[in-house]
PDB file of N, CA and C in Angstrom:
ATOM      1  N   MET A   1     -54.080  23.142  60.417  1.00  0.00           N
ATOM      2  CA  MET A   1     -52.876  22.893  59.635  1.00  0.00           C
ATOM      3  C   MET A   1     -51.742  22.430  60.555  1.00  0.00           C
ATOM      4  N   ARG A   2     -51.623  23.069  61.692  1.00  0.00           N
ATOM      5  CA  ARG A   2     -50.566  22.698  62.632  1.00  0.00           C
ATOM      6  C   ARG A   2     -50.765  21.273  63.147  1.00  0.00           C
ATOM      7  N   ALA A   3     -52.026  20.912  63.444  1.00  0.00           N
ATOM      8  CA  ALA A   3     -52.319  19.556  63.931  1.00  0.00           C
ATOM      9  C   ALA A   3     -51.942  18.530  62.878  1.00  0.00           C
ATOM     10  N   ASN A   4     -52.191  18.818  61.615  1.00  0.00           N
ATOM     11  CA  ASN A   4     -51.841  17.913  60.522  1.00  0.00           C
ATOM     12  C   ASN A   4     -50.332  17.749  60.455  1.00  0.00           C
ATOM     13  N   ARG A   5     -49.605  18.844  60.587  1.00  0.00           N
ATOM     14  CA  ARG A   5     -48.145  18.778  60.548  1.00  0.00           C
ATOM     15  C   ARG A   5     -47.611  17.957  61.719  1.00  0.00           C
ATOM     16  N   ASP A   6     -48.164  18.187  62.907  1.00  0.00           N
ATOM     17  CA  ASP A   6     -47.744  17.427  64.087  1.00  0.00           C
ATOM     18  C   ASP A   6     -47.988  15.937  63.892  1.00  0.00           C
ATOM     19  N   GLU A   7     -49.116  15.592  63.291  1.00  0.00           N
ATOM     20  CA  GLU A   7     -49.447  14.186  63.039  1.00  0.00           C
ATOM     21  C   GLU A   7     -48.451  13.575  62.051  1.00  0.00           C
ATOM     22  N   ARG A   8     -48.101  14.320  61.026  1.00  0.00           N
ATOM     23  CA  ARG A   8     -47.161  13.814  60.018  1.00  0.00           C
ATOM     24  C   ARG A   8     -45.773  13.596  60.595  1.00  0.00           C
ATOM     25  N   ASN A   9     -45.401  14.373  61.589  1.00  0.00           N
ATOM     26  CA  ASN A   9     -44.066  14.269  62.168  1.00  0.00           C
ATOM     27  C   ASN A   9     -44.011  13.418  63.429  1.00  0.00           C
ATOM     28  N   ARG A  10     -45.140  12.864  63.831  1.00  0.00           N
ATOM     29  CA  ARG A  10     -45.176  12.043  65.049  1.00  0.00           C
ATOM     30  C   ARG A  10     -44.218  10.862  64.952  1.00  0.00           C
ATOM     31  N   TRP A  11     -44.117  10.262  63.799  1.00  0.00           N
ATOM     32  CA  TRP A  11     -43.240   9.102  63.644  1.00  0.00           C
ATOM     33  C   TRP A  11     -41.791   9.454  63.943  1.00  0.00           C
ATOM     34  N   ILE A  12     -41.368  10.666  63.631  1.00  0.00           N
ATOM     35  CA  ILE A  12     -39.991  11.073  63.919  1.00  0.00           C
ATOM     36  C   ILE A  12     -39.769  11.133  65.423  1.00  0.00           C
ATOM     37  N   ARG A  13     -40.719  11.692  66.152  1.00  0.00           N
ATOM     38  CA  ARG A  13     -40.611  11.742  67.614  1.00  0.00           C
ATOM     39  C   ARG A  13     -40.536  10.335  68.196  1.00  0.00           C
ATOM     40  N   GLN A  14     -41.346   9.420  67.660  1.00  0.00           N
ATOM     41  CA  GLN A  14     -41.333   8.050  68.179  1.00  0.00           C
ATOM     42  C   GLN A  14     -40.022   7.348  67.845  1.00  0.00           C
ATOM     43  N   PHE A  15     -39.485   7.528  66.647  1.00  0.00           N
ATOM     44  CA  PHE A  15     -38.193   6.942  66.313  1.00  0.00           C
ATOM     45  C   PHE A  15     -37.134   7.442  67.275  1.00  0.00           C
ATOM     46  N   THR A  16     -37.147   8.738  67.542  1.00  0.00           N
ATOM     47  CA  THR A  16     -36.173   9.331  68.452  1.00  0.00           C
ATOM     48  C   THR A  16     -36.334   8.777  69.860  1.00  0.00           C
ATOM     49  N   GLU A  17     -37.569   8.660  70.305  1.00  0.00           N
ATOM     50  CA  GLU A  17     -37.846   8.150  71.653  1.00  0.00           C
ATOM     51  C   GLU A  17     -37.288   6.745  71.856  1.00  0.00           C
ATOM     52  N   PHE A  18     -37.402   5.903  70.840  1.00  0.00           N
ATOM     53  CA  PHE A  18     -37.005   4.505  70.979  1.00  0.00           C
ATOM     54  C   PHE A  18     -35.625   4.208  70.393  1.00  0.00           C
ATOM     55  N   SER A  19     -34.904   5.204  69.941  1.00  0.00           N
ATOM     56  CA  SER A  19     -33.651   4.970  69.222  1.00  0.00           C
ATOM     57  C   SER A  19     -32.544   4.351  70.075  1.00  0.00           C
ATOM     58  N   GLY A  20     -32.539   4.576  71.366  1.00  0.00           N
ATOM     59  CA  GLY A  20     -31.467   4.060  72.201  1.00  0.00           C
ATOM     60  C   GLY A  20     -31.778   2.748  72.901  1.00  0.00           C
ATOM     61  N   MET A  21     -32.843   2.093  72.504  1.00  0.00           N
ATOM     62  CA  MET A  21     -33.248   0.863  73.181  1.00  0.00           C
ATOM     63  C   MET A  21     -32.332  -0.309  72.843  1.00  0.00           C
ATOM     64  N   ASP A  22     -32.030  -1.120  73.854  1.00  0.00           N
ATOM     65  CA  ASP A  22     -31.270  -2.351  73.641  1.00  0.00           C
ATOM     66  C   ASP A  22     -32.189  -3.552  73.476  1.00  0.00           C
ATOM     67  N   SER A  23     -33.406  -3.437  73.997  1.00  0.00           N
ATOM     68  CA  SER A  23     -34.391  -4.510  73.865  1.00  0.00           C
ATOM     69  C   SER A  23     -35.782  -3.900  73.754  1.00  0.00           C
ATOM     70  N   LEU A  24     -36.696  -4.649  73.195  1.00  0.00           N
ATOM     71  CA  LEU A  24     -38.056  -4.157  73.001  1.00  0.00           C
ATOM     72  C   LEU A  24     -38.865  -4.257  74.281  1.00  0.00           C
ATOM     73  N   ASP A  25     -39.716  -3.261  74.478  1.00  0.00           N
ATOM     74  CA  ASP A  25     -40.710  -3.358  75.531  1.00  0.00           C
ATOM     75  C   ASP A  25     -42.084  -3.227  74.881  1.00  0.00           C
ATOM     76  N   ARG A  26     -43.116  -3.440  75.650  1.00  0.00           N
ATOM     77  CA  ARG A  26     -44.478  -3.429  75.109  1.00  0.00           C
ATOM     78  C   ARG A  26     -44.813  -2.087  74.465  1.00  0.00           C
ATOM     79  N   LYS A  27     -44.435  -0.990  75.092  1.00  0.00           N
ATOM     80  CA  LYS A  27     -44.736   0.344  74.569  1.00  0.00           C
ATOM     81  C   LYS A  27     -44.145   0.532  73.170  1.00  0.00           C
ATOM     82  N   ALA A  28     -42.910   0.129  72.982  1.00  0.00           N
ATOM     83  CA  ALA A  28     -42.262   0.263  71.677  1.00  0.00           C
ATOM     84  C   ALA A  28     -42.962  -0.588  70.622  1.00  0.00           C
ATOM     85  N   VAL A  29     -43.298  -1.803  70.977  1.00  0.00           N
ATOM     86  CA  VAL A  29     -43.964  -2.706  70.030  1.00  0.00           C
ATOM     87  C   VAL A  29     -45.315  -2.142  69.615  1.00  0.00           C
ATOM     88  N   VAL A  30     -46.093  -1.691  70.572  1.00  0.00           N
ATOM     89  CA  VAL A  30     -47.435  -1.175  70.279  1.00  0.00           C
ATOM     90  C   VAL A  30     -47.360   0.070  69.391  1.00  0.00           C
ATOM     91  N   GLN A  31     -46.409   0.935  69.636  1.00  0.00           N
ATOM     92  CA  GLN A  31     -46.326   2.187  68.884  1.00  0.00           C
ATOM     93  C   GLN A  31     -45.600   2.066  67.552  1.00  0.00           C
ATOM     94  N   MET A  32     -44.668   1.139  67.428  1.00  0.00           N
ATOM     95  CA  MET A  32     -43.824   1.118  66.234  1.00  0.00           C
ATOM     96  C   MET A  32     -44.080  -0.045  65.272  1.00  0.00           C
ATOM     97  N   ILE A  33     -44.769  -1.085  65.713  1.00  0.00           N
ATOM     98  CA  ILE A  33     -44.974  -2.251  64.850  1.00  0.00           C
ATOM     99  C   ILE A  33     -46.440  -2.370  64.475  1.00  0.00           C
ATOM    100  N   ARG A  34     -46.704  -2.446  63.168  1.00  0.00           N
ATOM    101  CA  ARG A  34     -48.074  -2.602  62.679  1.00  0.00           C
ATOM    102  C   ARG A  34     -48.530  -4.047  62.834  1.00  0.00           C
ATOM    103  N   ASN A  35     -47.708  -4.989  62.342  1.00  0.00           N
ATOM    104  CA  ASN A  35     -48.047  -6.401  62.524  1.00  0.00           C
ATOM    105  C   ASN A  35     -46.817  -7.280  62.344  1.00  0.00           C
ATOM    106  N   ILE A  36     -46.932  -8.486  62.859  1.00  0.00           N
ATOM    107  CA  ILE A  36     -45.885  -9.499  62.730  1.00  0.00           C
ATOM    108  C   ILE A  36     -46.544 -10.723  62.110  1.00  0.00           C
ATOM    109  N   THR A  37     -45.998 -11.177  60.999  1.00  0.00           N
ATOM    110  CA  THR A  37     -46.539 -12.338  60.298  1.00  0.00           C
ATOM    111  C   THR A  37     -45.545 -13.480  60.404  1.00  0.00           C
ATOM    112  N   VAL A  38     -46.012 -14.632  60.869  1.00  0.00           N
ATOM    113  CA  VAL A  38     -45.178 -15.829  60.942  1.00  0.00           C
ATOM    114  C   VAL A  38     -45.295 -16.541  59.603  1.00  0.00           C
ATOM    115  N   LEU A  39     -44.166 -16.649  58.888  1.00  0.00           N
ATOM    116  CA  LEU A  39     -44.151 -17.252  57.558  1.00  0.00           C
ATOM    117  C   LEU A  39     -43.780 -18.728  57.598  1.00  0.00           C
ATOM    118  N   GLY A  40     -43.105 -19.130  58.626  1.00  0.00           N
ATOM    119  CA  GLY A  40     -42.672 -20.511  58.754  1.00  0.00           C
ATOM    120  C   GLY A  40     -41.994 -20.716  60.091  1.00  0.00           C
ATOM    121  N   LYS A  41     -41.401 -21.881  60.266  1.00  0.00           N
ATOM    122  CA  LYS A  41     -40.753 -22.186  61.542  1.00  0.00           C
ATOM    123  C   LYS A  41     -39.596 -21.258  61.860  1.00  0.00           C
ATOM    124  N   SER A  42     -38.927 -20.744  60.836  1.00  0.00           N
ATOM    125  CA  SER A  42     -37.749 -19.917  61.087  1.00  0.00           C
ATOM    126  C   SER A  42     -37.800 -18.572  60.366  1.00  0.00           C
ATOM    127  N   GLU A  43     -39.000 -18.136  59.987  1.00  0.00           N
ATOM    128  CA  GLU A  43     -39.096 -16.877  59.248  1.00  0.00           C
ATOM    129  C   GLU A  43     -40.314 -16.080  59.685  1.00  0.00           C
ATOM    130  N   ILE A  44     -40.081 -14.779  59.940  1.00  0.00           N
ATOM    131  CA  ILE A  44     -41.180 -13.867  60.264  1.00  0.00           C
ATOM    132  C   ILE A  44     -41.031 -12.608  59.420  1.00  0.00           C
ATOM    133  N   ARG A  45     -42.122 -11.869  59.279  1.00  0.00           N
ATOM    134  CA  ARG A  45     -42.099 -10.584  58.595  1.00  0.00           C
ATOM    135  C   ARG A  45     -42.671  -9.555  59.557  1.00  0.00           C
ATOM    136  N   VAL A  46     -41.927  -8.477  59.763  1.00  0.00           N
ATOM    137  CA  VAL A  46     -42.359  -7.405  60.652  1.00  0.00           C
ATOM    138  C   VAL A  46     -42.698  -6.199  59.786  1.00  0.00           C
ATOM    139  N   SER A  47     -43.923  -5.683  59.924  1.00  0.00           N
ATOM    140  CA  SER A  47     -44.336  -4.463  59.231  1.00  0.00           C
ATOM    141  C   SER A  47     -44.372  -3.333  60.243  1.00  0.00           C
ATOM    142  N   PHE A  48     -43.624  -2.285  59.967  1.00  0.00           N
ATOM    143  CA  PHE A  48     -43.529  -1.173  60.892  1.00  0.00           C
ATOM    144  C   PHE A  48     -44.612  -0.140  60.618  1.00  0.00           C
ATOM    145  N   ALA A  49     -45.064   0.514  61.661  1.00  0.00           N
ATOM    146  CA  ALA A  49     -46.167   1.464  61.568  1.00  0.00           C
ATOM    147  C   ALA A  49     -45.855   2.640  60.651  1.00  0.00           C
ATOM    148  N   TYR A  50     -44.637   3.105  60.633  1.00  0.00           N
ATOM    149  CA  TYR A  50     -44.280   4.296  59.859  1.00  0.00           C
ATOM    150  C   TYR A  50     -43.290   3.971  58.748  1.00  0.00           C
ATOM    151  N   GLU A  51     -43.412   2.801  58.180  1.00  0.00           N
ATOM    152  CA  GLU A  51     -42.473   2.347  57.158  1.00  0.00           C
ATOM    153  C   GLU A  51     -42.509   3.235  55.907  1.00  0.00           C
ATOM    154  N   VAL A  52     -43.694   3.614  55.478  1.00  0.00           N
ATOM    155  CA  VAL A  52     -43.833   4.454  54.278  1.00  0.00           C
ATOM    156  C   VAL A  52     -43.201   5.824  54.509  1.00  0.00           C
ATOM    157  N   GLU A  53     -43.495   6.433  55.648  1.00  0.00           N
ATOM    158  CA  GLU A  53     -42.935   7.745  55.966  1.00  0.00           C
ATOM    159  C   GLU A  53     -41.405   7.689  56.063  1.00  0.00           C
ATOM    160  N   TYR A  54     -40.898   6.633  56.644  1.00  0.00           N
ATOM    161  CA  TYR A  54     -39.450   6.451  56.773  1.00  0.00           C
ATOM    162  C   TYR A  54     -38.798   6.348  55.396  1.00  0.00           C
ATOM    163  N   ARG A  55     -39.372   5.527  54.522  1.00  0.00           N
ATOM    164  CA  ARG A  55     -38.806   5.359  53.172  1.00  0.00           C
ATOM    165  C   ARG A  55     -38.887   6.669  52.368  1.00  0.00           C
ATOM    166  N   GLN A  56     -39.988   7.410  52.521  1.00  0.00           N
ATOM    167  CA  GLN A  56     -40.118   8.691  51.821  1.00  0.00           C
ATOM    168  C   GLN A  56     -39.045   9.671  52.283  1.00  0.00           C
ATOM    169  N   THR A  57     -38.793   9.701  53.571  1.00  0.00           N
ATOM    170  CA  THR A  57     -37.780  10.597  54.108  1.00  0.00           C
ATOM    171  C   THR A  57     -36.396  10.220  53.601  1.00  0.00           C
ATOM    172  N   LEU A  58     -36.085   8.924  53.574  1.00  0.00           N
ATOM    173  CA  LEU A  58     -34.795   8.485  53.030  1.00  0.00           C
ATOM    174  C   LEU A  58     -34.646   8.892  51.566  1.00  0.00           C
ATOM    175  N   SER A  59     -35.713   8.761  50.808  1.00  0.00           N
ATOM    176  CA  SER A  59     -35.687   9.138  49.399  1.00  0.00           C
ATOM    177  C   SER A  59     -35.438  10.639  49.242  1.00  0.00           C
ATOM    178  N   LEU A  60     -36.114  11.456  50.049  1.00  0.00           N
ATOM    179  CA  LEU A  60     -35.911  12.902  49.982  1.00  0.00           C
ATOM    180  C   LEU A  60     -34.483  13.279  50.345  1.00  0.00           C
ATOM    181  N   LEU A  61     -33.936  12.630  51.368  1.00  0.00           N
ATOM    182  CA  LEU A  61     -32.557  12.910  51.763  1.00  0.00           C
ATOM    183  C   LEU A  61     -31.579  12.513  50.669  1.00  0.00           C
ATOM    184  N   GLU A  62     -31.844  11.382  50.025  1.00  0.00           N
ATOM    185  CA  GLU A  62     -30.989  10.942  48.927  1.00  0.00           C
ATOM    186  C   GLU A  62     -31.052  11.931  47.770  1.00  0.00           C
ATOM    187  N   GLN A  63     -32.249  12.402  47.440  1.00  0.00           N
ATOM    188  CA  GLN A  63     -32.412  13.382  46.356  1.00  0.00           C
ATOM    189  C   GLN A  63     -31.681  14.676  46.700  1.00  0.00           C
ATOM    190  N   ALA A  64     -31.795  15.112  47.929  1.00  0.00           N
ATOM    191  CA  ALA A  64     -31.115  16.345  48.361  1.00  0.00           C
ATOM    192  C   ALA A  64     -29.602  16.174  48.267  1.00  0.00           C
ATOM    193  N   GLY A  65     -29.093  15.015  48.637  1.00  0.00           N
ATOM    194  CA  GLY A  65     -27.663  14.749  48.545  1.00  0.00           C
ATOM    195  C   GLY A  65     -27.191  14.729  47.100  1.00  0.00           C
ATOM    196  N   THR A  66     -27.991  14.152  46.215  1.00  0.00           N
ATOM    197  CA  THR A  66     -27.653  14.124  44.797  1.00  0.00           C
ATOM    198  C   THR A  66     -27.628  15.529  44.227  1.00  0.00           C
ATOM    199  N   ALA A  67     -28.607  16.347  44.610  1.00  0.00           N
ATOM    200  CA  ALA A  67     -28.669  17.731  44.127  1.00  0.00           C
ATOM    201  C   ALA A  67     -27.469  18.517  44.620  1.00  0.00           C
ATOM    202  N   ASP A  68     -27.064  18.302  45.872  1.00  0.00           N
ATOM    203  CA  ASP A  68     -25.894  18.993  46.431  1.00  0.00           C
ATOM    204  C   ASP A  68     -24.621  18.613  45.674  1.00  0.00           C
ATOM    205  N   ARG A  69     -24.477  17.323  45.343  1.00  0.00           N
ATOM    206  CA  ARG A  69     -23.284  16.881  44.617  1.00  0.00           C
ATOM    207  C   ARG A  69     -23.232  17.481  43.210  1.00  0.00           C
ATOM    208  N   LYS A  70     -24.400  17.583  42.558  1.00  0.00           N
ATOM    209  CA  LYS A  70     -24.437  18.168  41.205  1.00  0.00           C
ATOM    210  C   LYS A  70     -24.119  19.656  41.238  1.00  0.00           C
ATOM    211  N   ALA A  71     -24.606  20.336  42.287  1.00  0.00           N
ATOM    212  CA  ALA A  71     -24.379  21.782  42.401  1.00  0.00           C
ATOM    213  C   ALA A  71     -22.938  22.093  42.772  1.00  0.00           C
ATOM    214  N   GLY A  72     -22.325  21.171  43.518  1.00  0.00           N
ATOM    215  CA  GLY A  72     -20.974  21.427  44.020  1.00  0.00           C
ATOM    216  C   GLY A  72     -19.946  21.018  43.072  1.00  0.00           C
TER     217      GLY A  72
END
């Protein structure tokens, strides 16, 4: 159970590790980017490795904030 929890929270540790970067290095790209798709001469799409987990966390935080405002 603990290993599962650690795996689920790994993305948070990686976000924290790379949060102060001014430029990308290979380590950050390998760990944080799932793929890069070239759509045209001037357009690319970047898919992040933990995009789903990040969006879920934002949603939970938003719900918690809404609940706090209703209670207060």
